[in-house]
Amino acid sequence: LEEIWVPLSDDYYVHYIFVITARRQAEETIINLSRFPSENPNPVLRFNAEGTVLYSNEAVGSLLSEENLTGEQIDNILPTNLNGLISKALQTGEIVADIEVRVGSRIFTYWLTPVREGQYINLYGKDITKQREIEISLKLSKEILEKRKIELEHKTIALKEVIKEIEDEKNKIKNDITINVK
């Protein structure tokens, strides 16, 4: 509740009582929702149709600092042809996804999400370096296993040939014994 006393004269006052619970809850909800992109550990930016940065979260600033870049060098952490991608997203109304960008030793993937009625796009980034390292490691492991599989197949064929030779020799000896015994 919020109360206001308004004096009308020395003896008379008007007492206003306001119930502000719903308004306060709405304000808190708005504040919480507005913090959401700023608290994201990944890069989040908003661009207008001309490619001007309207918003960038703290993760963008941190990334620029880590790469010893200034705000004017923001293009170094973003997809090439960003203005073309922004235009495409706004024209089609479709998300432009999985655009990979190498930033120093890391790899980021970006999604451009258009908001046509506002004529801006939200750009969401994610560091996928570890994922790419794991994919490369899995690919190398698969290649090694394929190579070993081929080697084992060749050894199996060679062993089958040796076993066949032994069986043939065994049968020959058995026949010789049978002939000599008769």
C-alpha atoms as a PDB file:
ATOM      1  CA  LEU A   1       0.000   0.000   0.000  1.00  0.00           C
ATOM      2  CA  GLU A   2       1.038   3.545  -0.630  1.00  0.00           C
ATOM      3  CA  GLU A   3      -0.490   6.379   1.395  1.00  0.00           C
ATOM      4  CA  ILE A   4      -0.633  10.097   0.689  1.00  0.00           C
ATOM      5  CA  TRP A   5      -2.028  12.742   3.063  1.00  0.00           C
ATOM      6  CA  VAL A   6      -3.034  15.974   1.341  1.00  0.00           C
ATOM      7  CA  PRO A   7      -3.847  18.889   3.666  1.00  0.00           C
ATOM      8  CA  LEU A   8      -6.974  20.835   2.736  1.00  0.00           C
ATOM      9  CA  SER A   9      -6.791  23.140   5.758  1.00  0.00           C
ATOM     10  CA  ASP A  10      -5.369  23.076   9.256  1.00  0.00           C
ATOM     11  CA  ASP A  11      -8.097  20.712  10.387  1.00  0.00           C
ATOM     12  CA  TYR A  12      -8.897  18.694   7.282  1.00  0.00           C
ATOM     13  CA  TYR A  13      -6.856  16.232   5.257  1.00  0.00           C
ATOM     14  CA  VAL A  14      -7.590  13.941   2.359  1.00  0.00           C
ATOM     15  CA  HIS A  15      -6.114  10.505   2.824  1.00  0.00           C
ATOM     16  CA  TYR A  16      -5.334   8.559  -0.382  1.00  0.00           C
ATOM     17  CA  ILE A  17      -4.500   4.863  -0.167  1.00  0.00           C
ATOM     18  CA  PHE A  18      -3.125   3.163  -3.269  1.00  0.00           C
ATOM     19  CA  VAL A  19      -2.749  -0.565  -3.766  1.00  0.00           C
ATOM     20  CA  ILE A  20       0.467  -0.887  -5.742  1.00  0.00           C
ATOM     21  CA  THR A  21       1.213  -4.589  -5.395  1.00  0.00           C
ATOM     22  CA  ALA A  22       0.375  -5.431  -9.006  1.00  0.00           C
ATOM     23  CA  ARG A  23       2.326  -2.438 -10.319  1.00  0.00           C
ATOM     24  CA  ARG A  24       5.363  -3.261  -8.168  1.00  0.00           C
ATOM     25  CA  GLN A  25       5.263  -6.904  -9.300  1.00  0.00           C
ATOM     26  CA  ALA A  26       5.036  -5.791 -12.933  1.00  0.00           C
ATOM     27  CA  GLU A  27       8.017  -3.451 -12.450  1.00  0.00           C
ATOM     28  CA  GLU A  28      10.057  -6.247 -10.841  1.00  0.00           C
ATOM     29  CA  THR A  29       9.140  -8.596 -13.708  1.00  0.00           C
ATOM     30  CA  ILE A  30      10.235  -5.994 -16.260  1.00  0.00           C
ATOM     31  CA  ILE A  31      13.527  -5.450 -14.415  1.00  0.00           C
ATOM     32  CA  ASN A  32      14.171  -9.212 -14.217  1.00  0.00           C
ATOM     33  CA  LEU A  33      13.399  -9.744 -17.897  1.00  0.00           C
ATOM     34  CA  SER A  34      15.538  -6.794 -18.944  1.00  0.00           C
ATOM     35  CA  ARG A  35      18.539  -8.307 -17.109  1.00  0.00           C
ATOM     36  CA  PHE A  36      18.220 -11.596 -18.970  1.00  0.00           C
ATOM     37  CA  PRO A  37      20.357 -10.710 -22.044  1.00  0.00           C
ATOM     38  CA  SER A  38      22.919  -8.817 -19.980  1.00  0.00           C
ATOM     39  CA  GLU A  39      23.469 -11.846 -17.747  1.00  0.00           C
ATOM     40  CA  ASN A  40      23.945 -14.215 -20.684  1.00  0.00           C
ATOM     41  CA  PRO A  41      27.570 -15.480 -20.700  1.00  0.00           C
ATOM     42  CA  ASN A  42      27.510 -15.558 -24.509  1.00  0.00           C
ATOM     43  CA  PRO A  43      27.558 -12.577 -26.882  1.00  0.00           C
ATOM     44  CA  VAL A  44      24.150 -10.965 -27.401  1.00  0.00           C
ATOM     45  CA  LEU A  45      23.767  -7.933 -29.661  1.00  0.00           C
ATOM     46  CA  ARG A  46      20.975  -5.974 -31.312  1.00  0.00           C
ATOM     47  CA  PHE A  47      21.453  -4.247 -34.674  1.00  0.00           C
ATOM     48  CA  ASN A  48      19.161  -1.922 -36.563  1.00  0.00           C
ATOM     49  CA  ALA A  49      18.483  -2.433 -40.277  1.00  0.00           C
ATOM     50  CA  GLU A  50      21.551  -0.350 -41.181  1.00  0.00           C
ATOM     51  CA  GLY A  51      23.877  -2.519 -39.087  1.00  0.00           C
ATOM     52  CA  THR A  52      24.351  -0.098 -36.185  1.00  0.00           C
ATOM     53  CA  VAL A  53      24.798  -1.727 -32.783  1.00  0.00           C
ATOM     54  CA  LEU A  54      21.827  -0.838 -30.591  1.00  0.00           C
ATOM     55  CA  TYR A  55      22.779  -3.092 -27.690  1.00  0.00           C
ATOM     56  CA  SER A  56      25.580  -5.418 -26.651  1.00  0.00           C
ATOM     57  CA  ASN A  57      25.865  -7.350 -23.415  1.00  0.00           C
ATOM     58  CA  GLU A  58      28.843  -7.650 -21.079  1.00  0.00           C
ATOM     59  CA  ALA A  59      30.009 -10.856 -22.777  1.00  0.00           C
ATOM     60  CA  VAL A  60      30.697  -8.836 -25.949  1.00  0.00           C
ATOM     61  CA  GLY A  61      32.824  -6.383 -23.958  1.00  0.00           C
ATOM     62  CA  SER A  62      34.681  -9.242 -22.300  1.00  0.00           C
ATOM     63  CA  LEU A  63      35.349 -10.911 -25.644  1.00  0.00           C
ATOM     64  CA  LEU A  64      36.663  -7.673 -27.110  1.00  0.00           C
ATOM     65  CA  SER A  65      38.939  -7.195 -24.080  1.00  0.00           C
ATOM     66  CA  GLU A  66      40.222 -10.784 -24.225  1.00  0.00           C
ATOM     67  CA  GLU A  67      41.140 -10.287 -27.872  1.00  0.00           C
ATOM     68  CA  ASN A  68      42.659  -6.831 -27.195  1.00  0.00           C
ATOM     69  CA  LEU A  69      40.087  -5.184 -29.441  1.00  0.00           C
ATOM     70  CA  THR A  70      38.202  -1.921 -29.060  1.00  0.00           C
ATOM     71  CA  GLY A  71      34.525  -1.285 -29.665  1.00  0.00           C
ATOM     72  CA  GLU A  72      35.411   0.097 -33.102  1.00  0.00           C
ATOM     73  CA  GLN A  73      36.926  -3.288 -33.950  1.00  0.00           C
ATOM     74  CA  ILE A  74      33.743  -5.212 -33.105  1.00  0.00           C
ATOM     75  CA  ASP A  75      33.605  -6.473 -36.713  1.00  0.00           C
ATOM     76  CA  ASN A  76      36.526  -8.775 -35.829  1.00  0.00           C
ATOM     77  CA  ILE A  77      34.264 -10.911 -33.624  1.00  0.00           C
ATOM     78  CA  LEU A  78      31.194 -10.877 -35.893  1.00  0.00           C
ATOM     79  CA  PRO A  79      30.203 -12.655 -39.116  1.00  0.00           C
ATOM     80  CA  THR A  80      31.530 -11.187 -42.339  1.00  0.00           C
ATOM     81  CA  ASN A  81      28.923  -9.505 -44.536  1.00  0.00           C
ATOM     82  CA  LEU A  82      26.854  -8.766 -41.434  1.00  0.00           C
ATOM     83  CA  ASN A  83      24.842  -6.032 -43.176  1.00  0.00           C
ATOM     84  CA  GLY A  84      23.871  -8.455 -45.934  1.00  0.00           C
ATOM     85  CA  LEU A  85      22.861 -11.048 -43.355  1.00  0.00           C
ATOM     86  CA  ILE A  86      20.810  -8.444 -41.468  1.00  0.00           C
ATOM     87  CA  SER A  87      19.036  -7.443 -44.684  1.00  0.00           C
ATOM     88  CA  LYS A  88      18.330 -11.078 -45.563  1.00  0.00           C
ATOM     89  CA  ALA A  89      16.941 -11.827 -42.100  1.00  0.00           C
ATOM     90  CA  LEU A  90      14.714  -8.747 -42.077  1.00  0.00           C
ATOM     91  CA  GLN A  91      13.474  -9.337 -45.638  1.00  0.00           C
ATOM     92  CA  THR A  92      12.663 -13.006 -45.175  1.00  0.00           C
ATOM     93  CA  GLY A  93      11.692 -12.861 -41.530  1.00  0.00           C
ATOM     94  CA  GLU A  94      13.639 -16.086 -41.054  1.00  0.00           C
ATOM     95  CA  ILE A  95      16.428 -16.851 -38.619  1.00  0.00           C
ATOM     96  CA  VAL A  96      19.886 -16.951 -40.191  1.00  0.00           C
ATOM     97  CA  ALA A  97      21.624 -19.676 -38.203  1.00  0.00           C
ATOM     98  CA  ASP A  98      24.939 -21.406 -37.637  1.00  0.00           C
ATOM     99  CA  ILE A  99      27.312 -18.776 -38.973  1.00  0.00           C
ATOM    100  CA  GLU A 100      30.770 -19.710 -37.720  1.00  0.00           C
ATOM    101  CA  VAL A 101      33.400 -17.087 -36.945  1.00  0.00           C
ATOM    102  CA  ARG A 102      36.946 -17.665 -35.741  1.00  0.00           C
ATOM    103  CA  VAL A 103      37.906 -15.198 -33.019  1.00  0.00           C
ATOM    104  CA  GLY A 104      41.539 -15.677 -32.079  1.00  0.00           C
ATOM    105  CA  SER A 105      41.868 -19.310 -31.023  1.00  0.00           C
ATOM    106  CA  ARG A 106      38.141 -19.737 -30.471  1.00  0.00           C
ATOM    107  CA  ILE A 107      35.211 -20.510 -32.746  1.00  0.00           C
ATOM    108  CA  PHE A 108      31.812 -18.895 -32.308  1.00  0.00           C
ATOM    109  CA  THR A 109      28.549 -19.677 -33.996  1.00  0.00           C
ATOM    110  CA  TYR A 110      25.940 -16.965 -34.450  1.00  0.00           C
ATOM    111  CA  TRP A 111      22.194 -16.807 -35.046  1.00  0.00           C
ATOM    112  CA  LEU A 112      20.512 -13.690 -36.396  1.00  0.00           C
ATOM    113  CA  THR A 113      16.908 -13.479 -35.262  1.00  0.00           C
ATOM    114  CA  PRO A 114      14.872 -10.814 -37.058  1.00  0.00           C
ATOM    115  CA  VAL A 115      12.211  -8.663 -35.414  1.00  0.00           C
ATOM    116  CA  ARG A 116      10.561  -7.282 -38.530  1.00  0.00           C
ATOM    117  CA  GLU A 117       8.059  -5.020 -36.830  1.00  0.00           C
ATOM    118  CA  GLY A 118      10.912  -3.347 -34.958  1.00  0.00           C
ATOM    119  CA  GLN A 119      13.259  -3.426 -37.975  1.00  0.00           C
ATOM    120  CA  TYR A 120      16.113  -4.850 -35.934  1.00  0.00           C
ATOM    121  CA  ILE A 121      17.796  -8.190 -35.432  1.00  0.00           C
ATOM    122  CA  ASN A 122      19.051  -9.881 -32.314  1.00  0.00           C
ATOM    123  CA  LEU A 123      22.343 -11.672 -32.767  1.00  0.00           C
ATOM    124  CA  TYR A 124      23.092 -14.550 -30.405  1.00  0.00           C
ATOM    125  CA  GLY A 125      26.561 -16.046 -30.238  1.00  0.00           C
ATOM    126  CA  LYS A 126      27.965 -19.158 -28.633  1.00  0.00           C
ATOM    127  CA  ASP A 127      31.537 -20.340 -28.143  1.00  0.00           C
ATOM    128  CA  ILE A 128      31.730 -23.774 -29.801  1.00  0.00           C
ATOM    129  CA  THR A 129      35.504 -24.224 -29.552  1.00  0.00           C
ATOM    130  CA  LYS A 130      35.321 -27.222 -27.204  1.00  0.00           C
ATOM    131  CA  GLN A 131      32.646 -28.820 -29.377  1.00  0.00           C
ATOM    132  CA  ARG A 132      34.842 -28.445 -32.478  1.00  0.00           C
ATOM    133  CA  GLU A 133      37.852 -29.856 -30.610  1.00  0.00           C
ATOM    134  CA  ILE A 134      35.801 -32.875 -29.572  1.00  0.00           C
ATOM    135  CA  GLU A 135      34.515 -33.320 -33.136  1.00  0.00           C
ATOM    136  CA  ILE A 136      38.090 -33.231 -34.486  1.00  0.00           C
ATOM    137  CA  SER A 137      39.220 -35.698 -31.819  1.00  0.00           C
ATOM    138  CA  LEU A 138      36.326 -38.029 -32.648  1.00  0.00           C
ATOM    139  CA  LYS A 139      37.118 -37.789 -36.353  1.00  0.00           C
ATOM    140  CA  LEU A 140      40.767 -38.677 -35.726  1.00  0.00           C
ATOM    141  CA  SER A 141      39.750 -41.566 -33.457  1.00  0.00           C
ATOM    142  CA  LYS A 142      37.381 -42.841 -36.127  1.00  0.00           C
ATOM    143  CA  GLU A 143      40.134 -42.673 -38.766  1.00  0.00           C
ATOM    144  CA  ILE A 144      42.525 -44.573 -36.477  1.00  0.00           C
ATOM    145  CA  LEU A 145      39.883 -47.211 -35.773  1.00  0.00           C
ATOM    146  CA  GLU A 146      39.097 -47.573 -39.475  1.00  0.00           C
ATOM    147  CA  LYS A 147      42.803 -48.036 -40.194  1.00  0.00           C
ATOM    148  CA  ARG A 148      43.115 -50.663 -37.440  1.00  0.00           C
ATOM    149  CA  LYS A 149      39.986 -52.411 -38.701  1.00  0.00           C
ATOM    150  CA  ILE A 150      41.541 -52.700 -42.174  1.00  0.00           C
ATOM    151  CA  GLU A 151      44.790 -53.997 -40.647  1.00  0.00           C
ATOM    152  CA  LEU A 152      42.863 -56.597 -38.647  1.00  0.00           C
ATOM    153  CA  GLU A 153      40.904 -57.641 -41.733  1.00  0.00           C
ATOM    154  CA  HIS A 154      44.213 -58.188 -43.592  1.00  0.00           C
ATOM    155  CA  LYS A 155      45.617 -60.181 -40.646  1.00  0.00           C
ATOM    156  CA  THR A 156      42.409 -62.245 -40.503  1.00  0.00           C
ATOM    157  CA  ILE A 157      42.732 -63.070 -44.201  1.00  0.00           C
ATOM    158  CA  ALA A 158      46.393 -64.014 -43.701  1.00  0.00           C
ATOM    159  CA  LEU A 159      45.518 -66.187 -40.692  1.00  0.00           C
ATOM    160  CA  LYS A 160      42.771 -67.921 -42.677  1.00  0.00           C
ATOM    161  CA  GLU A 161      45.318 -68.687 -45.383  1.00  0.00           C
ATOM    162  CA  VAL A 162      47.752 -70.109 -42.788  1.00  0.00           C
ATOM    163  CA  ILE A 163      44.953 -72.172 -41.209  1.00  0.00           C
ATOM    164  CA  LYS A 164      43.995 -73.445 -44.671  1.00  0.00           C
ATOM    165  CA  GLU A 165      47.609 -74.426 -45.344  1.00  0.00           C
ATOM    166  CA  ILE A 166      47.814 -76.207 -41.980  1.00  0.00           C
ATOM    167  CA  GLU A 167      44.520 -78.023 -42.661  1.00  0.00           C
ATOM    168  CA  ASP A 168      45.795 -79.033 -46.118  1.00  0.00           C
ATOM    169  CA  GLU A 169      49.069 -80.277 -44.634  1.00  0.00           C
ATOM    170  CA  LYS A 170      47.179 -82.119 -41.863  1.00  0.00           C
ATOM    171  CA  ASN A 171      44.928 -83.797 -44.432  1.00  0.00           C
ATOM    172  CA  LYS A 172      47.938 -84.744 -46.563  1.00  0.00           C
ATOM    173  CA  ILE A 173      49.671 -86.321 -43.559  1.00  0.00           C
ATOM    174  CA  LYS A 174      46.453 -88.123 -42.629  1.00  0.00           C
ATOM    175  CA  ASN A 175      46.146 -89.495 -46.163  1.00  0.00           C
ATOM    176  CA  ASP A 176      49.788 -90.575 -46.194  1.00  0.00           C
ATOM    177  CA  ILE A 177      49.303 -92.430 -42.907  1.00  0.00           C
ATOM    178  CA  THR A 178      46.131 -94.097 -44.153  1.00  0.00           C
ATOM    179  CA  ILE A 179      47.864 -95.210 -47.363  1.00  0.00           C
ATOM    180  CA  ASN A 180      50.915 -96.547 -45.470  1.00  0.00           C
ATOM    181  CA  VAL A 181      48.804 -98.424 -42.947  1.00  0.00           C
ATOM    182  CA  LYS A 182      46.879-100.322 -45.610  1.00  0.00           C
END
